[in-house]
């Protein structure tokens, strides 16, 4: 980045660090923190939407819909997360390639499955053959988003379903006695109140999601943990900026980053809980009423 960085071996210490910390690999390291934040920003609403659909399926009176909801939640909760993070991108990627193969290569006369190999024509490859690095990164990131949303959507579904059941049933019965349909009672009574009961569980799921982001490297994405390991390791003369083993300092940066992220998240969830508890018949709502009534 700087003009004096041509020969790092001849630089004084402060200039050496200035060149070292602004090298291309370090810029990729800094960008990887943005990738983590982007993953959280995309996965959180998707997981919440999938969780809502799963919770509604668990509440459904139609047996097939209820069975689908139970199967999804129990399957994901019963299988280690890392299995889904590895299985979903592979299965989804092969499914996409199989469909493209049927469309683009109808004259293919060889089996797609050849032993342990999955072979499709050139036109069906995903990402496409010759795709840019940017396109490959977007494809890998998309697979990661789907895998994370599927896994955490199941936990959100279980949390929201429990929150829906926590709303006093007498309130729903009263609403229906005043002429509301079950759907209206759900939208006007259950849905607004359930978030108070769901927030503690959603907060825990969010924290687990944050701590799961280092699993991105399993999907071939160069995340912050990957770069901390690569940049912090001892370098040899083959590298432009050789240095001792500095991994402890790089991982210390990650430690501070994740601690700050979880600390900030806890404060936000605390504010949400306090706001949504106003006027509600919950422990937090009762504490608020007592504080206001105190002289």
Protein backbone atom coordinates (compact mmCIF):
# COMPACT_ATOMS: atom_id res chain seq x y z
CA UNK A 1 0.00 0.00 0.00
CA UNK A 2 2.84 2.39 0.82
CA UNK A 3 5.60 3.30 -1.59
CA UNK A 4 8.37 2.34 0.85
CA UNK A 5 7.15 -1.28 1.12
CA UNK A 6 9.15 -2.63 -1.82
CA UNK A 7 11.90 -4.13 0.35
CA UNK A 8 10.51 -5.08 3.80
CA UNK A 9 13.87 -6.42 5.00
CA UNK A 10 15.38 -2.92 4.85
CA UNK A 11 12.59 -1.12 6.71
CA UNK A 12 12.72 0.22 10.28
CA UNK A 13 10.32 -1.39 12.72
CA UNK A 14 7.36 1.03 12.48
CA UNK A 15 7.46 1.06 8.68
CA UNK A 16 7.75 -2.73 8.62
CA UNK A 17 4.57 -3.03 10.69
CA UNK A 18 2.83 -0.40 8.56
CA UNK A 19 3.56 -2.44 5.43
CA UNK A 20 2.84 -5.75 7.13
CA UNK A 21 -0.56 -4.70 8.50
CA UNK A 22 -1.68 -3.22 5.15
CA UNK A 23 -0.61 -6.14 2.95
CA UNK A 24 -3.13 -7.86 0.70
CA UNK A 25 -3.49 -10.82 3.06
CA UNK A 26 -4.24 -8.53 5.98
CA UNK A 27 -6.84 -6.66 3.97
CA UNK A 28 -8.47 -10.05 3.37
CA UNK A 29 -8.27 -10.67 7.13
CA UNK A 30 -10.04 -7.38 7.86
CA UNK A 31 -12.66 -8.12 5.22
CA UNK A 32 -13.35 -11.53 6.81
CA UNK A 33 -14.85 -9.76 9.84
CA UNK A 34 -17.32 -8.14 7.47
CA UNK A 35 -18.12 -11.58 6.06
CA UNK A 36 -18.98 -12.79 9.58
CA UNK A 37 -21.25 -9.80 10.17
CA UNK A 38 -22.89 -10.24 6.76
CA UNK A 39 -23.56 -13.90 7.52
CA UNK A 40 -25.22 -12.99 10.81
CA UNK A 41 -27.28 -10.23 9.16
CA UNK A 42 -28.56 -12.58 6.44
CA UNK A 43 -28.99 -15.79 8.47
CA UNK A 44 -30.84 -14.20 11.43
CA UNK A 45 -33.99 -13.11 9.51
CA UNK A 46 -33.97 -16.29 7.40
CA UNK A 47 -33.71 -18.51 10.49
CA UNK A 48 -36.47 -16.47 12.17
CA UNK A 49 -38.73 -16.89 9.13
CA UNK A 50 -38.05 -20.63 8.94
CA UNK A 51 -38.58 -20.88 12.68
CA UNK A 52 -41.96 -19.15 12.41
CA UNK A 53 -43.01 -21.56 9.65
CA UNK A 54 -41.80 -24.49 11.73
CA UNK A 55 -43.66 -23.26 14.81
CA UNK A 56 -46.87 -22.79 12.81
CA UNK A 57 -46.43 -26.30 11.44
CA UNK A 58 -46.09 -27.63 14.99
CA UNK A 59 -49.35 -25.86 15.89
CA UNK A 60 -51.15 -27.05 12.77
CA UNK A 61 -54.17 -29.31 13.22
CA UNK A 62 -53.59 -31.00 9.86
CA UNK A 63 -51.64 -34.19 10.58
CA UNK A 64 -49.33 -34.04 7.49
CA UNK A 65 -48.32 -30.44 8.20
CA UNK A 66 -47.80 -31.17 11.89
CA UNK A 67 -45.73 -34.23 11.01
CA UNK A 68 -43.51 -32.18 8.69
CA UNK A 69 -42.94 -29.62 11.44
CA UNK A 70 -42.07 -32.27 14.03
CA UNK A 71 -39.83 -34.12 11.59
CA UNK A 72 -37.89 -30.97 10.70
CA UNK A 73 -37.39 -29.81 14.29
CA UNK A 74 -36.55 -33.21 15.73
CA UNK A 75 -34.25 -34.17 12.87
CA UNK A 76 -32.15 -31.03 13.06
CA UNK A 77 -32.06 -30.97 16.85
CA UNK A 78 -31.07 -34.64 16.98
CA UNK A 79 -28.16 -34.47 14.53
CA UNK A 80 -24.86 -32.66 15.30
CA UNK A 81 -24.75 -29.25 13.65
CA UNK A 82 -21.47 -29.97 11.91
CA UNK A 83 -23.11 -32.84 10.01
CA UNK A 84 -25.69 -30.47 8.53
CA UNK A 85 -23.04 -27.86 7.73
CA UNK A 86 -21.24 -30.51 5.67
CA UNK A 87 -24.25 -32.39 4.27
CA UNK A 88 -26.54 -29.56 3.16
CA UNK A 89 -24.11 -27.77 0.80
CA UNK A 90 -23.02 -31.07 -0.76
CA UNK A 91 -26.54 -32.42 -1.18
CA UNK A 92 -27.97 -29.11 -2.39
CA UNK A 93 -25.07 -28.52 -4.76
CA UNK A 94 -25.41 -31.98 -6.29
CA UNK A 95 -29.17 -31.52 -6.55
CA UNK A 96 -28.70 -28.26 -8.49
CA UNK A 97 -26.13 -29.89 -10.78
CA UNK A 98 -28.43 -32.87 -11.40
CA UNK A 99 -31.29 -30.58 -12.48
CA UNK A 100 -29.00 -28.53 -14.73
CA UNK A 101 -27.59 -31.76 -16.17
CA UNK A 102 -31.08 -32.98 -17.12
CA UNK A 103 -31.84 -29.63 -18.78
CA UNK A 104 -28.55 -28.89 -20.54
CA UNK A 105 -27.30 -32.37 -21.40
CA UNK A 106 -30.28 -34.56 -22.40
CA UNK A 107 -28.07 -36.69 -24.70
CA UNK A 108 -25.67 -37.71 -21.92
CA UNK A 109 -25.37 -41.51 -22.09
CA UNK A 110 -23.26 -42.18 -19.00
CA UNK A 111 -24.49 -42.66 -15.42
CA UNK A 112 -24.10 -39.64 -13.16
CA UNK A 113 -23.23 -41.84 -10.23
CA UNK A 114 -20.04 -43.74 -11.02
CA UNK A 115 -18.97 -45.44 -7.84
CA UNK A 116 -18.23 -42.70 -5.34
CA UNK A 117 -18.00 -40.05 -8.05
CA UNK A 118 -20.75 -37.62 -9.03
CA UNK A 119 -20.11 -36.71 -12.66
CA UNK A 120 -22.18 -34.24 -14.68
CA UNK A 121 -21.53 -32.50 -17.96
CA UNK A 122 -19.49 -29.31 -18.14
CA UNK A 123 -22.58 -27.13 -18.67
CA UNK A 124 -24.10 -28.35 -15.37
CA UNK A 125 -21.18 -27.57 -13.10
CA UNK A 126 -21.89 -25.24 -10.15
CA UNK A 127 -20.30 -22.82 -9.87
CA UNK A 128 -19.85 -22.72 -13.65
CA UNK A 129 -16.50 -23.75 -15.11
CA UNK A 130 -14.38 -20.65 -15.54
CA UNK A 131 -16.37 -18.63 -13.01
CA UNK A 132 -14.54 -15.78 -11.34
CA UNK A 133 -13.29 -16.00 -7.77
CA UNK A 134 -16.01 -13.53 -6.77
CA UNK A 135 -18.74 -15.79 -8.20
CA UNK A 136 -17.29 -18.83 -6.45
CA UNK A 137 -17.19 -16.96 -3.14
CA UNK A 138 -20.82 -15.86 -3.56
CA UNK A 139 -21.87 -19.43 -4.33
CA UNK A 140 -20.03 -20.80 -1.29
CA UNK A 141 -21.46 -18.06 0.92
CA UNK A 142 -24.99 -18.83 -0.33
CA UNK A 143 -24.55 -22.51 0.57
CA UNK A 144 -23.36 -21.47 4.02
CA UNK A 145 -26.39 -19.22 4.53
CA UNK A 146 -28.79 -22.03 3.62
CA UNK A 147 -27.04 -24.50 5.94
CA UNK A 148 -27.01 -22.07 8.87
CA UNK A 149 -30.65 -21.04 8.28
CA UNK A 150 -31.81 -24.66 8.20
CA UNK A 151 -30.01 -25.57 11.41
CA UNK A 152 -30.90 -22.54 13.49
CA UNK A 153 -34.41 -22.30 12.03
CA UNK A 154 -35.22 -25.57 13.79
CA UNK A 155 -34.11 -24.23 17.16
CA UNK A 156 -36.03 -21.00 16.57
CA UNK A 157 -39.13 -23.03 15.68
CA UNK A 158 -38.97 -24.92 18.97
CA UNK A 159 -38.49 -21.68 20.91
CA UNK A 160 -41.37 -19.88 19.19
CA UNK A 161 -43.66 -22.87 19.61
CA UNK A 162 -42.98 -22.90 23.34
CA UNK A 163 -43.54 -19.13 23.50
CA UNK A 164 -46.89 -19.48 21.73
CA UNK A 165 -47.99 -22.08 24.26
CA UNK A 166 -46.83 -19.85 27.13
CA UNK A 167 -49.43 -17.19 26.29
CA UNK A 168 -52.31 -17.76 28.76
CA UNK A 169 -54.95 -19.90 27.09
CA UNK A 170 -57.70 -18.00 28.90
CA UNK A 171 -56.87 -14.90 26.86
CA UNK A 172 -57.33 -16.81 23.60
CA UNK A 173 -60.61 -18.29 24.82
CA UNK A 174 -61.83 -14.84 25.84
CA UNK A 175 -60.95 -13.43 22.42
CA UNK A 176 -62.84 -16.22 20.70
CA UNK A 177 -65.79 -15.69 23.07
CA UNK A 178 -65.95 -12.08 21.84
CA UNK A 179 -66.35 -13.35 18.27
CA UNK A 180 -62.79 -13.59 16.99
CA UNK A 181 -61.89 -16.48 14.75
CA UNK A 182 -58.94 -18.69 15.80
CA UNK A 183 -56.79 -16.92 13.22
CA UNK A 184 -57.74 -13.49 14.51
CA UNK A 185 -57.12 -14.54 18.09
CA UNK A 186 -53.69 -15.79 17.10
CA UNK A 187 -52.73 -12.60 15.26
CA UNK A 188 -54.16 -10.17 17.84
CA UNK A 189 -53.52 -11.99 21.12
CA UNK A 190 -50.90 -14.73 20.78
CA UNK A 191 -48.53 -13.22 18.23
CA UNK A 192 -47.96 -9.86 19.99
CA UNK A 193 -47.40 -11.45 23.41
CA UNK A 194 -45.33 -14.48 22.51
CA UNK A 195 -42.19 -12.43 21.79
CA UNK A 196 -41.82 -11.64 25.49
CA UNK A 197 -41.60 -15.35 26.25
CA UNK A 198 -39.47 -16.10 23.17
CA UNK A 199 -36.77 -13.46 23.64
CA UNK A 200 -34.65 -15.34 26.25
CA UNK A 201 -34.52 -18.40 24.01
CA UNK A 202 -33.90 -16.33 20.89
CA UNK A 203 -31.08 -14.54 22.69
CA UNK A 204 -29.40 -17.87 23.46
CA UNK A 205 -29.81 -19.04 19.86
CA UNK A 206 -28.31 -15.78 18.60
CA UNK A 207 -25.28 -16.22 20.85
CA UNK A 208 -24.83 -19.79 19.62
CA UNK A 209 -25.11 -18.57 16.04
CA UNK A 210 -22.33 -16.06 16.68
CA UNK A 211 -20.10 -18.75 18.15
CA UNK A 212 -20.82 -21.05 15.19
CA UNK A 213 -19.55 -18.65 12.54
CA UNK A 214 -15.97 -20.07 12.68
CA UNK A 215 -17.45 -23.21 11.07
CA UNK A 216 -17.46 -21.26 7.81
CA UNK A 217 -14.04 -22.69 7.02
CA UNK A 218 -15.68 -26.13 6.67
CA UNK A 219 -17.50 -24.76 3.63
CA UNK A 220 -14.37 -23.43 2.01
CA UNK A 221 -14.89 -19.81 3.07
CA UNK A 222 -11.83 -17.95 4.29
CA UNK A 223 -13.23 -16.52 7.50
CA UNK A 224 -11.54 -14.62 10.33
CA UNK A 225 -10.35 -17.79 12.10
CA UNK A 226 -8.74 -19.07 8.90
CA UNK A 227 -6.80 -15.85 8.37
CA UNK A 228 -5.80 -15.59 12.03
CA UNK A 229 -4.28 -19.05 11.83
CA UNK A 230 -2.57 -18.37 8.50
CA UNK A 231 -1.21 -14.91 9.29
CA UNK A 232 -0.23 -15.68 12.86
CA UNK A 233 1.77 -18.81 12.08
CA UNK A 234 5.56 -18.63 11.89
CA UNK A 235 6.72 -17.59 8.42
CA UNK A 236 9.76 -18.74 6.51
CA UNK A 237 12.01 -17.01 3.99
CA UNK A 238 9.43 -17.87 1.32
CA UNK A 239 7.17 -15.16 2.71
CA UNK A 240 7.59 -11.45 2.21
CA UNK A 241 7.11 -10.66 5.91
CA UNK A 242 8.68 -13.48 7.98
CA UNK A 243 7.97 -13.35 11.72
CA UNK A 244 7.79 -15.66 14.76
CA UNK A 245 4.63 -17.47 15.83
CA UNK A 246 2.15 -14.65 16.52
CA UNK A 247 -1.04 -16.72 16.54
CA UNK A 248 -1.75 -15.83 20.16
CA UNK A 249 -2.08 -12.14 19.19
CA UNK A 250 -4.29 -12.83 16.21
CA UNK A 251 -6.58 -15.07 18.22
CA UNK A 252 -6.62 -12.44 20.96
CA UNK A 253 -8.07 -10.05 18.38
CA UNK A 254 -10.74 -12.65 17.59
CA UNK A 255 -11.43 -13.08 21.30
CA UNK A 256 -12.03 -9.35 21.74
CA UNK A 257 -14.18 -9.21 18.59
CA UNK A 258 -16.48 -12.04 19.64
CA UNK A 259 -16.70 -10.87 23.25
CA UNK A 260 -17.66 -7.37 22.11
CA UNK A 261 -20.22 -8.82 19.69
CA UNK A 262 -21.87 -11.00 22.32
CA UNK A 263 -21.76 -8.21 24.93
CA UNK A 264 -23.46 -5.80 22.56
CA UNK A 265 -26.03 -8.42 21.62
CA UNK A 266 -26.90 -9.03 25.26
CA UNK A 267 -27.52 -5.32 25.81
CA UNK A 268 -29.76 -5.12 22.75
CA UNK A 269 -31.79 -8.15 23.81
CA UNK A 270 -32.06 -6.71 27.31
CA UNK A 271 -33.51 -3.49 25.92
CA UNK A 272 -35.94 -5.44 23.72
CA UNK A 273 -37.09 -7.54 26.65
CA UNK A 274 -37.66 -4.44 28.78
CA UNK A 275 -39.59 -2.70 26.02
CA UNK A 276 -41.79 -5.65 25.09
CA UNK A 277 -42.54 -6.44 28.75
CA UNK A 278 -44.27 -3.13 29.39
CA UNK A 279 -47.83 -3.82 30.52
CA UNK A 280 -47.41 -7.59 30.13
CA UNK A 281 -48.29 -10.16 32.78
CA UNK A 282 -44.70 -11.41 33.08
CA UNK A 283 -42.02 -11.25 35.75
CA UNK A 284 -40.28 -8.37 33.98
CA UNK A 285 -43.59 -6.56 33.50
CA UNK A 286 -44.36 -6.96 37.20
CA UNK A 287 -40.94 -5.55 38.15
CA UNK A 288 -41.59 -2.52 35.94
CA UNK A 289 -44.96 -1.93 37.58
CA UNK A 290 -43.40 -2.14 41.04
CA UNK A 291 -40.69 0.34 40.12
CA UNK A 292 -43.26 2.82 38.89
CA UNK A 293 -45.42 2.34 41.96
CA UNK A 294 -42.53 2.76 44.39
CA UNK A 295 -42.43 6.19 46.11
